[in-house]
Amino acid sequence: MKIDELLLQNLPGLAQRPKGVKGEFAQCLKEALAGQAQKQPLEAAGKTGPMEQAMAIAAAGVRHPVDLVESALNRLDAFKEGLARPEQSLKKLAPLVKNLEEDSRRLTELAQKLPQNSPARSLMQETAALSWVEAYKFNRGDYV
């Protein structure tokens, strides 16, 4: 199936636009998504395709959830590297641990707003769990 066919199926508002007419992409997308959201809300449709997931993420108020996951993974990597340096004081890692706790909270909140079988939801939940576990282990004193 070609992408044009998929777009016409998922966003019927795009089919009504004459070809060759230049407009602002953001406006066209907003109109198409608004039309689709009015026709069948996400919960009522029971679908979790890419468009529905994108709409749910946008409705959750996050523009780039991938950036949130990536920043959490980058912090986890920095935490791992900090623990690997025996000359570095653990007190210097405390602010990073606070950020891991905050990442875990934000990822959990966002994941709860996504559809149950969304791959993005499971990725966010796993990243949140890993961040929380590492912060908990640090606060408990496992790394002393």
Protein backbone atom coordinates (compact mmCIF):
# COMPACT_ATOMS: atom_id res chain seq x y z
CA MET A 1 0.00 0.00 0.00
CA LYS A 2 1.35 3.42 -0.85
CA ILE A 3 1.58 6.28 1.58
CA ASP A 4 -0.90 8.35 -0.43
CA GLU A 5 -3.50 5.62 -0.03
CA LEU A 6 -2.83 5.40 3.72
CA LEU A 7 -3.15 9.14 4.12
CA LEU A 8 -6.43 9.17 2.23
CA GLN A 9 -7.78 6.37 4.44
CA ASN A 10 -6.65 7.90 7.74
CA LEU A 11 -7.09 11.59 6.91
CA PRO A 12 -10.06 12.03 4.59
CA GLY A 13 -9.69 15.81 4.83
CA LEU A 14 -6.55 15.60 2.70
CA ALA A 15 -8.48 14.15 -0.22
CA GLN A 16 -10.54 17.32 -0.46
CA ARG A 17 -7.52 19.54 -1.07
CA PRO A 18 -6.88 20.23 -4.74
CA LYS A 19 -3.43 19.25 -5.92
CA GLY A 20 -1.02 22.02 -6.74
CA VAL A 21 -2.53 24.42 -4.21
CA LYS A 22 0.16 25.58 -1.86
CA GLY A 23 -0.75 26.13 1.73
CA GLU A 24 0.82 25.93 5.05
CA PHE A 25 1.43 22.32 6.02
CA ALA A 26 0.73 22.85 9.71
CA GLN A 27 -2.67 24.35 8.94
CA CYS A 28 -3.59 21.48 6.59
CA LEU A 29 -2.51 18.90 9.14
CA LYS A 30 -4.41 20.63 11.94
CA GLU A 31 -7.59 20.70 9.85
CA ALA A 32 -7.24 17.06 8.86
CA LEU A 33 -6.60 15.94 12.44
CA ALA A 34 -9.48 18.05 13.73
CA GLY A 35 -11.80 16.50 11.15
CA GLN A 36 -10.69 13.01 12.08
CA ALA A 37 -10.96 13.68 15.82
CA GLN A 38 -14.53 14.90 15.38
CA LYS A 39 -15.57 11.87 13.34
CA GLN A 40 -14.33 9.25 15.75
CA PRO A 41 -12.64 9.89 19.08
CA LEU A 42 -9.69 7.68 19.93
CA GLU A 43 -11.41 5.82 22.76
CA ALA A 44 -14.55 5.13 20.75
CA ALA A 45 -12.63 3.92 17.71
CA GLY A 46 -10.57 1.40 19.64
CA LYS A 47 -7.73 1.82 17.11
CA THR A 48 -4.12 2.45 17.93
CA GLY A 49 -2.50 3.04 14.59
CA PRO A 50 0.31 5.52 14.09
CA MET A 51 -2.05 8.44 13.55
CA GLU A 52 -4.05 7.66 16.67
CA GLN A 53 -0.88 7.34 18.73
CA ALA A 54 0.43 10.65 17.42
CA MET A 55 -2.90 12.31 18.26
CA ALA A 56 -2.84 10.84 21.77
CA ILE A 57 0.70 12.06 22.35
CA ALA A 58 -0.20 15.52 21.07
CA ALA A 59 -3.28 15.57 23.29
CA ALA A 60 -1.07 14.71 26.24
CA GLY A 61 0.74 18.00 25.71
CA VAL A 62 4.14 16.68 24.67
CA ARG A 63 5.55 17.64 21.32
CA HIS A 64 8.40 15.16 21.19
CA PRO A 65 8.04 12.20 23.57
CA VAL A 66 11.03 10.61 21.89
CA ASP A 67 13.12 13.52 23.17
CA LEU A 68 11.90 12.83 26.70
CA VAL A 69 12.84 9.14 26.45
CA GLU A 70 16.17 10.02 24.85
CA SER A 71 17.05 12.52 27.58
CA ALA A 72 16.22 9.94 30.26
CA LEU A 73 18.41 7.35 28.53
CA ASN A 74 21.22 9.91 28.22
CA ARG A 75 20.96 10.65 31.95
CA LEU A 76 21.07 6.93 32.72
CA ASP A 77 24.19 6.63 30.59
CA ALA A 78 25.80 9.59 32.37
CA PHE A 79 24.86 8.01 35.71
CA LYS A 80 26.50 4.74 34.67
CA GLU A 81 29.66 6.57 33.64
CA GLY A 82 29.69 8.52 36.91
CA LEU A 83 29.46 5.30 38.91
CA ALA A 84 32.32 3.81 36.90
CA ARG A 85 34.70 6.57 38.06
CA PRO A 86 35.96 5.65 41.54
CA GLU A 87 37.62 9.05 41.98
CA GLN A 88 34.29 10.87 41.65
CA SER A 89 32.29 11.54 44.79
CA LEU A 90 28.78 10.10 44.90
CA LYS A 91 27.56 13.47 46.17
CA LYS A 92 28.21 14.88 42.72
CA LEU A 93 25.75 12.35 41.27
CA ALA A 94 22.89 13.43 43.56
CA PRO A 95 21.52 16.11 41.16
CA LEU A 96 21.58 13.58 38.34
CA VAL A 97 19.61 11.15 40.49
CA LYS A 98 16.99 13.85 41.16
CA ASN A 99 16.69 14.34 37.39
CA LEU A 100 16.24 10.58 36.95
CA GLU A 101 13.40 10.64 39.47
CA GLU A 102 11.76 13.53 37.60
CA ASP A 103 12.20 11.74 34.26
CA SER A 104 10.55 8.66 35.73
CA ARG A 105 7.58 10.69 36.96
CA ARG A 106 7.09 12.53 33.65
CA LEU A 107 7.43 9.38 31.55
CA THR A 108 4.94 7.53 33.75
CA GLU A 109 2.41 10.36 33.50
CA LEU A 110 2.76 10.53 29.73
CA ALA A 111 2.61 6.76 29.28
CA GLN A 112 -0.69 6.62 31.17
CA LYS A 113 -2.24 8.97 28.62
CA LEU A 114 -1.34 6.73 25.67
CA PRO A 115 -3.39 3.77 24.38
CA GLN A 116 -2.86 0.50 26.26
CA ASN A 117 -1.19 -1.39 23.39
CA SER A 118 0.96 1.47 22.11
CA PRO A 119 4.63 0.62 21.56
CA ALA A 120 5.51 4.14 22.71
CA ARG A 121 3.70 3.45 25.99
CA SER A 122 5.73 0.32 26.73
CA LEU A 123 8.99 2.09 25.85
CA MET A 124 8.12 4.98 28.17
CA GLN A 125 7.09 2.64 30.99
CA GLU A 126 10.31 0.61 30.72
CA THR A 127 12.47 3.73 30.65
CA ALA A 128 10.56 5.18 33.62
CA ALA A 129 10.98 1.95 35.57
CA LEU A 130 14.70 1.79 34.88
CA SER A 131 15.16 5.44 35.91
CA TRP A 132 13.18 4.90 39.10
CA VAL A 133 15.08 1.72 40.04
CA GLU A 134 18.48 3.37 39.57
CA ALA A 135 17.43 6.40 41.62
CA TYR A 136 16.00 4.14 44.33
CA LYS A 137 19.17 2.04 44.50
CA PHE A 138 21.28 5.19 44.78
CA ASN A 139 19.12 6.64 47.55
CA ARG A 140 19.07 3.31 49.40
CA GLY A 141 22.88 3.25 49.43
CA ASP A 142 23.60 0.37 47.10
CA TYR A 143 26.46 2.24 45.46
CA VAL A 144 28.27 3.27 48.65
